[in-house]
């Protein structure tokens, strides 16, 4: 899933599908676009889209070494 401004891709989320379960493997936002809430919006839209497609579980595949990343995921209701 990508976020665009006009024709420019400014963020992307990578998901791995495993049946009705999805792992959010990675999310990236272009440097000039960071700090504008784009990652939150992209994650929320990803969750909404996956839920509508029959997903029974969505989880984040990330390490615990970055407090900023953990805060981002917790902010959109991941535990």
PDB file of N, CA and C in Angstrom:
ATOM      1  N   UNK A   1       0.856  -1.156   0.000  1.00  0.00           N
ATOM      2  CA  UNK A   1       0.000   0.000   0.000  1.00  0.00           C
ATOM      3  C   UNK A   1       0.910   1.229   0.000  1.00  0.00           C
ATOM      4  N   UNK A   2       0.518   2.261  -0.757  1.00  0.00           N
ATOM      5  CA  UNK A   2       1.330   3.468  -0.833  1.00  0.00           C
ATOM      6  C   UNK A   2       0.479   4.701  -0.555  1.00  0.00           C
ATOM      7  N   UNK A   3       1.165   5.761  -0.139  1.00  0.00           N
ATOM      8  CA  UNK A   3       0.554   7.085  -0.001  1.00  0.00           C
ATOM      9  C   UNK A   3       1.223   7.979  -1.029  1.00  0.00           C
ATOM     10  N   UNK A   4       0.401   8.723  -1.765  1.00  0.00           N
ATOM     11  CA  UNK A   4       0.934   9.592  -2.812  1.00  0.00           C
ATOM     12  C   UNK A   4       0.520  11.034  -2.587  1.00  0.00           C
ATOM     13  N   UNK A   5       1.365  11.930  -3.012  1.00  0.00           N
ATOM     14  CA  UNK A   5       1.039  13.341  -3.130  1.00  0.00           C
ATOM     15  C   UNK A   5       1.192  13.665  -4.610  1.00  0.00           C
ATOM     16  N   UNK A   6       0.087  13.988  -5.242  1.00  0.00           N
ATOM     17  CA  UNK A   6       0.023  14.122  -6.690  1.00  0.00           C
ATOM     18  C   UNK A   6       0.491  12.793  -7.287  1.00  0.00           C
ATOM     19  N   UNK A   7       1.560  12.726  -8.000  1.00  0.00           N
ATOM     20  CA  UNK A   7       2.030  11.451  -8.558  1.00  0.00           C
ATOM     21  C   UNK A   7       3.235  10.892  -7.810  1.00  0.00           C
ATOM     22  N   UNK A   8       3.671  11.573  -6.772  1.00  0.00           N
ATOM     23  CA  UNK A   8       4.860  11.170  -6.017  1.00  0.00           C
ATOM     24  C   UNK A   8       4.488  10.231  -4.870  1.00  0.00           C
ATOM     25  N   UNK A   9       5.143   9.080  -4.794  1.00  0.00           N
ATOM     26  CA  UNK A   9       4.960   8.174  -3.655  1.00  0.00           C
ATOM     27  C   UNK A   9       5.737   8.755  -2.486  1.00  0.00           C
ATOM     28  N   UNK A  10       5.025   9.031  -1.384  1.00  0.00           N
ATOM     29  CA  UNK A  10       5.668   9.643  -0.219  1.00  0.00           C
ATOM     30  C   UNK A  10       5.785   8.677   0.959  1.00  0.00           C
ATOM     31  N   UNK A  11       5.063   7.541   0.881  1.00  0.00           N
ATOM     32  CA  UNK A  11       5.141   6.541   1.949  1.00  0.00           C
ATOM     33  C   UNK A  11       4.665   5.202   1.409  1.00  0.00           C
ATOM     34  N   UNK A  12       5.131   4.139   2.054  1.00  0.00           N
ATOM     35  CA  UNK A  12       4.721   2.793   1.645  1.00  0.00           C
ATOM     36  C   UNK A  12       4.653   1.880   2.857  1.00  0.00           C
ATOM     37  N   UNK A  13       3.705   0.959   2.809  1.00  0.00           N
ATOM     38  CA  UNK A  13       3.581  -0.073   3.831  1.00  0.00           C
ATOM     39  C   UNK A  13       3.687  -1.423   3.133  1.00  0.00           C
ATOM     40  N   UNK A  14       4.462  -2.320   3.719  1.00  0.00           N
ATOM     41  CA  UNK A  14       4.653  -3.652   3.157  1.00  0.00           C
ATOM     42  C   UNK A  14       3.965  -4.651   4.079  1.00  0.00           C
ATOM     43  N   UNK A  15       3.069  -5.442   3.494  1.00  0.00           N
ATOM     44  CA  UNK A  15       2.332  -6.446   4.253  1.00  0.00           C
ATOM     45  C   UNK A  15       2.610  -7.827   3.695  1.00  0.00           C
ATOM     46  N   UNK A  16       2.651  -8.792   4.586  1.00  0.00           N
ATOM     47  CA  UNK A  16       2.820 -10.188   4.202  1.00  0.00           C
ATOM     48  C   UNK A  16       1.533 -10.914   4.566  1.00  0.00           C
ATOM     49  N   UNK A  17       0.884 -11.482   3.564  1.00  0.00           N
ATOM     50  CA  UNK A  17      -0.372 -12.191   3.790  1.00  0.00           C
ATOM     51  C   UNK A  17      -0.100 -13.659   4.078  1.00  0.00           C
ATOM     52  N   UNK A  18      -0.754 -14.151   5.129  1.00  0.00           N
ATOM     53  CA  UNK A  18      -0.672 -15.562   5.483  1.00  0.00           C
ATOM     54  C   UNK A  18      -2.094 -16.046   5.753  1.00  0.00           C
ATOM     55  N   UNK A  19      -2.793 -16.376   4.676  1.00  0.00           N
ATOM     56  CA  UNK A  19      -4.203 -16.746   4.801  1.00  0.00           C
ATOM     57  C   UNK A  19      -5.022 -15.525   5.165  1.00  0.00           C
ATOM     58  N   UNK A  20      -5.728 -15.599   6.297  1.00  0.00           N
ATOM     59  CA  UNK A  20      -6.529 -14.459   6.750  1.00  0.00           C
ATOM     60  C   UNK A  20      -5.770 -13.594   7.746  1.00  0.00           C
ATOM     61  N   UNK A  21      -4.474 -13.835   7.894  1.00  0.00           N
ATOM     62  CA  UNK A  21      -3.641 -13.063   8.817  1.00  0.00           C
ATOM     63  C   UNK A  21      -2.627 -12.251   8.010  1.00  0.00           C
ATOM     64  N   UNK A  22      -2.334 -11.059   8.496  1.00  0.00           N
ATOM     65  CA  UNK A  22      -1.421 -10.163   7.803  1.00  0.00           C
ATOM     66  C   UNK A  22      -0.374  -9.630   8.774  1.00  0.00           C
ATOM     67  N   UNK A  23       0.851  -9.585   8.295  1.00  0.00           N
ATOM     68  CA  UNK A  23       1.937  -9.000   9.085  1.00  0.00           C
ATOM     69  C   UNK A  23       2.361  -7.695   8.417  1.00  0.00           C
ATOM     70  N   UNK A  24       2.358  -6.628   9.179  1.00  0.00           N
ATOM     71  CA  UNK A  24       2.880  -5.352   8.705  1.00  0.00           C
ATOM     72  C   UNK A  24       4.390  -5.424   8.868  1.00  0.00           C
ATOM     73  N   UNK A  25       5.082  -5.677   7.759  1.00  0.00           N
ATOM     74  CA  UNK A  25       6.526  -5.916   7.789  1.00  0.00           C
ATOM     75  C   UNK A  25       7.323  -4.625   7.875  1.00  0.00           C
ATOM     76  N   UNK A  26       6.851  -3.595   7.183  1.00  0.00           N
ATOM     77  CA  UNK A  26       7.648  -2.372   7.111  1.00  0.00           C
ATOM     78  C   UNK A  26       6.754  -1.215   6.726  1.00  0.00           C
ATOM     79  N   UNK A  27       7.097  -0.053   7.231  1.00  0.00           N
ATOM     80  CA  UNK A  27       6.460   1.178   6.790  1.00  0.00           C
ATOM     81  C   UNK A  27       7.570   2.212   6.662  1.00  0.00           C
ATOM     82  N   UNK A  28       7.519   2.953   5.576  1.00  0.00           N
ATOM     83  CA  UNK A  28       8.556   3.959   5.327  1.00  0.00           C
ATOM     84  C   UNK A  28       7.901   5.227   4.793  1.00  0.00           C
ATOM     85  N   UNK A  29       8.419   6.353   5.266  1.00  0.00           N
ATOM     86  CA  UNK A  29       7.942   7.661   4.820  1.00  0.00           C
ATOM     87  C   UNK A  29       9.153   8.445   4.326  1.00  0.00           C
ATOM     88  N   UNK A  30       9.025   9.050   3.154  1.00  0.00           N
ATOM     89  CA  UNK A  30      10.114   9.844   2.595  1.00  0.00           C
ATOM     90  C   UNK A  30      10.531  10.922   3.598  1.00  0.00           C
ATOM     91  N   UNK A  31      11.821  11.174   3.692  1.00  0.00           N
ATOM     92  CA  UNK A  31      12.376  12.074   4.705  1.00  0.00           C
ATOM     93  C   UNK A  31      11.672  13.427   4.736  1.00  0.00           C
ATOM     94  N   UNK A  32      11.434  14.007   3.584  1.00  0.00           N
ATOM     95  CA  UNK A  32      10.800  15.329   3.537  1.00  0.00           C
ATOM     96  C   UNK A  32       9.351  15.315   4.016  1.00  0.00           C
ATOM     97  N   UNK A  33       8.758  14.146   4.137  1.00  0.00           N
ATOM     98  CA  UNK A  33       7.355  14.021   4.523  1.00  0.00           C
ATOM     99  C   UNK A  33       7.176  13.511   5.949  1.00  0.00           C
ATOM    100  N   UNK A  34       8.253  13.181   6.629  1.00  0.00           N
ATOM    101  CA  UNK A  34       8.160  12.658   7.985  1.00  0.00           C
ATOM    102  C   UNK A  34       7.689  13.739   8.952  1.00  0.00           C
ATOM    103  N   UNK A  35       6.989  13.301   9.997  1.00  0.00           N
ATOM    104  CA  UNK A  35       6.516  14.220  11.026  1.00  0.00           C
ATOM    105  C   UNK A  35       5.182  14.872  10.709  1.00  0.00           C
ATOM    106  N   UNK A  36       4.508  14.401   9.671  1.00  0.00           N
ATOM    107  CA  UNK A  36       3.224  14.982   9.267  1.00  0.00           C
ATOM    108  C   UNK A  36       2.039  14.055   9.513  1.00  0.00           C
ATOM    109  N   UNK A  37       2.250  12.948  10.207  1.00  0.00           N
ATOM    110  CA  UNK A  37       1.169  12.017  10.500  1.00  0.00           C
ATOM    111  C   UNK A  37       0.858  11.056   9.367  1.00  0.00           C
ATOM    112  N   UNK A  38       1.686  11.045   8.329  1.00  0.00           N
ATOM    113  CA  UNK A  38       1.424  10.181   7.182  1.00  0.00           C
ATOM    114  C   UNK A  38       1.512   8.707   7.575  1.00  0.00           C
ATOM    115  N   UNK A  39       2.482   8.349   8.395  1.00  0.00           N
ATOM    116  CA  UNK A  39       2.619   6.945   8.812  1.00  0.00           C
ATOM    117  C   UNK A  39       1.369   6.495   9.568  1.00  0.00           C
ATOM    118  N   UNK A  40       0.877   7.325  10.484  1.00  0.00           N
ATOM    119  CA  UNK A  40      -0.342   6.973  11.218  1.00  0.00           C
ATOM    120  C   UNK A  40      -1.509   6.750  10.265  1.00  0.00           C
ATOM    121  N   UNK A  41      -1.688   7.670   9.332  1.00  0.00           N
ATOM    122  CA  UNK A  41      -2.798   7.559   8.394  1.00  0.00           C
ATOM    123  C   UNK A  41      -2.661   6.319   7.520  1.00  0.00           C
ATOM    124  N   UNK A  42      -1.458   6.036   7.082  1.00  0.00           N
ATOM    125  CA  UNK A  42      -1.230   4.868   6.232  1.00  0.00           C
ATOM    126  C   UNK A  42      -1.512   3.579   7.001  1.00  0.00           C
ATOM    127  N   UNK A  43      -1.079   3.511   8.236  1.00  0.00           N
ATOM    128  CA  UNK A  43      -1.337   2.326   9.063  1.00  0.00           C
ATOM    129  C   UNK A  43      -2.836   2.165   9.302  1.00  0.00           C
ATOM    130  N   UNK A  44      -3.516   3.251   9.644  1.00  0.00           N
ATOM    131  CA  UNK A  44      -4.953   3.175   9.888  1.00  0.00           C
ATOM    132  C   UNK A  44      -5.704   2.728   8.634  1.00  0.00           C
ATOM    133  N   UNK A  45      -5.335   3.251   7.478  1.00  0.00           N
ATOM    134  CA  UNK A  45      -5.982   2.841   6.228  1.00  0.00           C
ATOM    135  C   UNK A  45      -5.662   1.386   5.898  1.00  0.00           C
ATOM    136  N   UNK A  46      -4.444   0.960   6.207  1.00  0.00           N
ATOM    137  CA  UNK A  46      -4.063  -0.429   5.981  1.00  0.00           C
ATOM    138  C   UNK A  46      -4.912  -1.354   6.852  1.00  0.00           C
ATOM    139  N   UNK A  47      -5.079  -1.013   8.117  1.00  0.00           N
ATOM    140  CA  UNK A  47      -5.900  -1.810   9.029  1.00  0.00           C
ATOM    141  C   UNK A  47      -7.346  -1.846   8.536  1.00  0.00           C
ATOM    142  N   UNK A  48      -7.879  -0.699   8.142  1.00  0.00           N
ATOM    143  CA  UNK A  48      -9.252  -0.624   7.638  1.00  0.00           C
ATOM    144  C   UNK A  48      -9.417  -1.496   6.394  1.00  0.00           C
ATOM    145  N   UNK A  49      -8.471  -1.388   5.470  1.00  0.00           N
ATOM    146  CA  UNK A  49      -8.552  -2.153   4.226  1.00  0.00           C
ATOM    147  C   UNK A  49      -8.455  -3.652   4.501  1.00  0.00           C
ATOM    148  N   UNK A  50      -7.499  -4.042   5.334  1.00  0.00           N
ATOM    149  CA  UNK A  50      -7.315  -5.466   5.640  1.00  0.00           C
ATOM    150  C   UNK A  50      -8.523  -6.027   6.377  1.00  0.00           C
ATOM    151  N   UNK A  51      -9.084  -5.268   7.301  1.00  0.00           N
ATOM    152  CA  UNK A  51     -10.263  -5.732   8.032  1.00  0.00           C
ATOM    153  C   UNK A  51     -11.427  -5.956   7.072  1.00  0.00           C
ATOM    154  N   UNK A  52     -11.580  -5.070   6.105  1.00  0.00           N
ATOM    155  CA  UNK A  52     -12.641  -5.205   5.118  1.00  0.00           C
ATOM    156  C   UNK A  52     -12.429  -6.361   4.160  1.00  0.00           C
ATOM    157  N   UNK A  53     -11.202  -6.824   4.061  1.00  0.00           N
ATOM    158  CA  UNK A  53     -10.912  -7.935   3.145  1.00  0.00           C
ATOM    159  C   UNK A  53     -10.955  -9.284   3.856  1.00  0.00           C
ATOM    160  N   UNK A  54     -11.406  -9.290   5.111  1.00  0.00           N
ATOM    161  CA  UNK A  54     -11.555 -10.551   5.828  1.00  0.00           C
ATOM    162  C   UNK A  54     -10.395 -10.932   6.730  1.00  0.00           C
ATOM    163  N   UNK A  55      -9.487 -10.017   6.973  1.00  0.00           N
ATOM    164  CA  UNK A  55      -8.358 -10.317   7.859  1.00  0.00           C
ATOM    165  C   UNK A  55      -8.864 -10.610   9.265  1.00  0.00           C
ATOM    166  N   UNK A  56      -8.340 -11.665   9.857  1.00  0.00           N
ATOM    167  CA  UNK A  56      -8.704 -12.008  11.232  1.00  0.00           C
ATOM    168  C   UNK A  56      -7.653 -11.537  12.227  1.00  0.00           C
ATOM    169  N   UNK A  57      -6.478 -11.212  11.714  1.00  0.00           N
ATOM    170  CA  UNK A  57      -5.388 -10.780  12.597  1.00  0.00           C
ATOM    171  C   UNK A  57      -4.403  -9.945  11.793  1.00  0.00           C
ATOM    172  N   UNK A  58      -3.965  -8.863  12.387  1.00  0.00           N
ATOM    173  CA  UNK A  58      -2.921  -8.026  11.794  1.00  0.00           C
ATOM    174  C   UNK A  58      -1.898  -7.756  12.887  1.00  0.00           C
ATOM    175  N   UNK A  59      -0.630  -8.042  12.598  1.00  0.00           N
ATOM    176  CA  UNK A  59       0.405  -7.794  13.593  1.00  0.00           C
ATOM    177  C   UNK A  59       1.585  -7.090  12.950  1.00  0.00           C
ATOM    178  N   UNK A  60       2.412  -6.513  13.812  1.00  0.00           N
ATOM    179  CA  UNK A  60       3.584  -5.769  13.364  1.00  0.00           C
ATOM    180  C   UNK A  60       4.817  -6.623  13.563  1.00  0.00           C
ATOM    181  N   UNK A  61       5.624  -6.729  12.513  1.00  0.00           N
ATOM    182  CA  UNK A  61       6.881  -7.460  12.602  1.00  0.00           C
ATOM    183  C   UNK A  61       8.029  -6.477  12.729  1.00  0.00           C
ATOM    184  N   UNK A  62       8.313  -6.051  13.951  1.00  0.00           N
ATOM    185  CA  UNK A  62       9.391  -5.094  14.180  1.00  0.00           C
ATOM    186  C   UNK A  62      10.118  -5.449  15.464  1.00  0.00           C
ATOM    187  N   UNK A  63      11.326  -5.006  15.552  1.00  0.00           N
ATOM    188  CA  UNK A  63      12.095  -5.199  16.775  1.00  0.00           C
ATOM    189  C   UNK A  63      11.679  -4.175  17.818  1.00  0.00           C
ATOM    190  N   UNK A  64      12.231  -4.284  18.992  1.00  0.00           N
ATOM    191  CA  UNK A  64      11.882  -3.344  20.053  1.00  0.00           C
ATOM    192  C   UNK A  64      13.015  -2.357  20.328  1.00  0.00           C
ATOM    193  N   UNK A  65      13.886  -2.150  19.348  1.00  0.00           N
ATOM    194  CA  UNK A  65      15.046  -1.288  19.576  1.00  0.00           C
ATOM    195  C   UNK A  65      14.780   0.186  19.299  1.00  0.00           C
ATOM    196  N   UNK A  66      13.665   0.507  18.669  1.00  0.00           N
ATOM    197  CA  UNK A  66      13.375   1.899  18.357  1.00  0.00           C
ATOM    198  C   UNK A  66      12.122   2.362  19.091  1.00  0.00           C
ATOM    199  N   UNK A  67      12.301   3.242  20.050  1.00  0.00           N
ATOM    200  CA  UNK A  67      11.163   3.745  20.819  1.00  0.00           C
ATOM    201  C   UNK A  67      10.198   4.530  19.939  1.00  0.00           C
ATOM    202  N   UNK A  68      10.715   5.243  18.936  1.00  0.00           N
ATOM    203  CA  UNK A  68       9.841   5.998  18.041  1.00  0.00           C
ATOM    204  C   UNK A  68       8.924   5.068  17.256  1.00  0.00           C
ATOM    205  N   UNK A  69       9.462   3.957  16.759  1.00  0.00           N
ATOM    206  CA  UNK A  69       8.635   3.003  16.017  1.00  0.00           C
ATOM    207  C   UNK A  69       7.603   2.358  16.928  1.00  0.00           C
ATOM    208  N   UNK A  70       8.012   1.971  18.134  1.00  0.00           N
ATOM    209  CA  UNK A  70       7.070   1.364  19.069  1.00  0.00           C
ATOM    210  C   UNK A  70       5.945   2.333  19.408  1.00  0.00           C
ATOM    211  N   UNK A  71       6.278   3.594  19.634  1.00  0.00           N
ATOM    212  CA  UNK A  71       5.262   4.603  19.945  1.00  0.00           C
ATOM    213  C   UNK A  71       4.296   4.783  18.779  1.00  0.00           C
ATOM    214  N   UNK A  72       4.819   4.771  17.566  1.00  0.00           N
ATOM    215  CA  UNK A  72       3.973   4.901  16.386  1.00  0.00           C
ATOM    216  C   UNK A  72       2.949   3.776  16.333  1.00  0.00           C
ATOM    217  N   UNK A  73       3.384   2.546  16.482  1.00  0.00           N
ATOM    218  CA  UNK A  73       2.475   1.409  16.408  1.00  0.00           C
ATOM    219  C   UNK A  73       1.493   1.395  17.576  1.00  0.00           C
ATOM    220  N   UNK A  74       1.953   1.744  18.766  1.00  0.00           N
ATOM    221  CA  UNK A  74       1.068   1.794  19.916  1.00  0.00           C
ATOM    222  C   UNK A  74       0.027   2.899  19.743  1.00  0.00           C
ATOM    223  N   UNK A  75       0.395   3.979  19.098  1.00  0.00           N
ATOM    224  CA  UNK A  75      -0.510   5.101  18.866  1.00  0.00           C
ATOM    225  C   UNK A  75      -1.701   4.698  18.010  1.00  0.00           C
ATOM    226  N   UNK A  76      -1.540   3.704  17.153  1.00  0.00           N
ATOM    227  CA  UNK A  76      -2.641   3.244  16.303  1.00  0.00           C
ATOM    228  C   UNK A  76      -3.181   1.896  16.783  1.00  0.00           C
ATOM    229  N   UNK A  77      -3.030   1.626  18.071  1.00  0.00           N
ATOM    230  CA  UNK A  77      -3.700   0.519  18.777  1.00  0.00           C
ATOM    231  C   UNK A  77      -3.013  -0.847  18.682  1.00  0.00           C
ATOM    232  N   UNK A  78      -1.783  -0.933  18.201  1.00  0.00           N
ATOM    233  CA  UNK A  78      -1.070  -2.189  18.305  1.00  0.00           C
ATOM    234  C   UNK A  78      -0.523  -2.323  19.715  1.00  0.00           C
ATOM    235  N   UNK A  79      -0.438  -3.551  20.191  1.00  0.00           N
ATOM    236  CA  UNK A  79       0.107  -3.790  21.544  1.00  0.00           C
ATOM    237  C   UNK A  79       1.525  -4.273  21.452  1.00  0.00           C
TER     238      UNK A  79
END
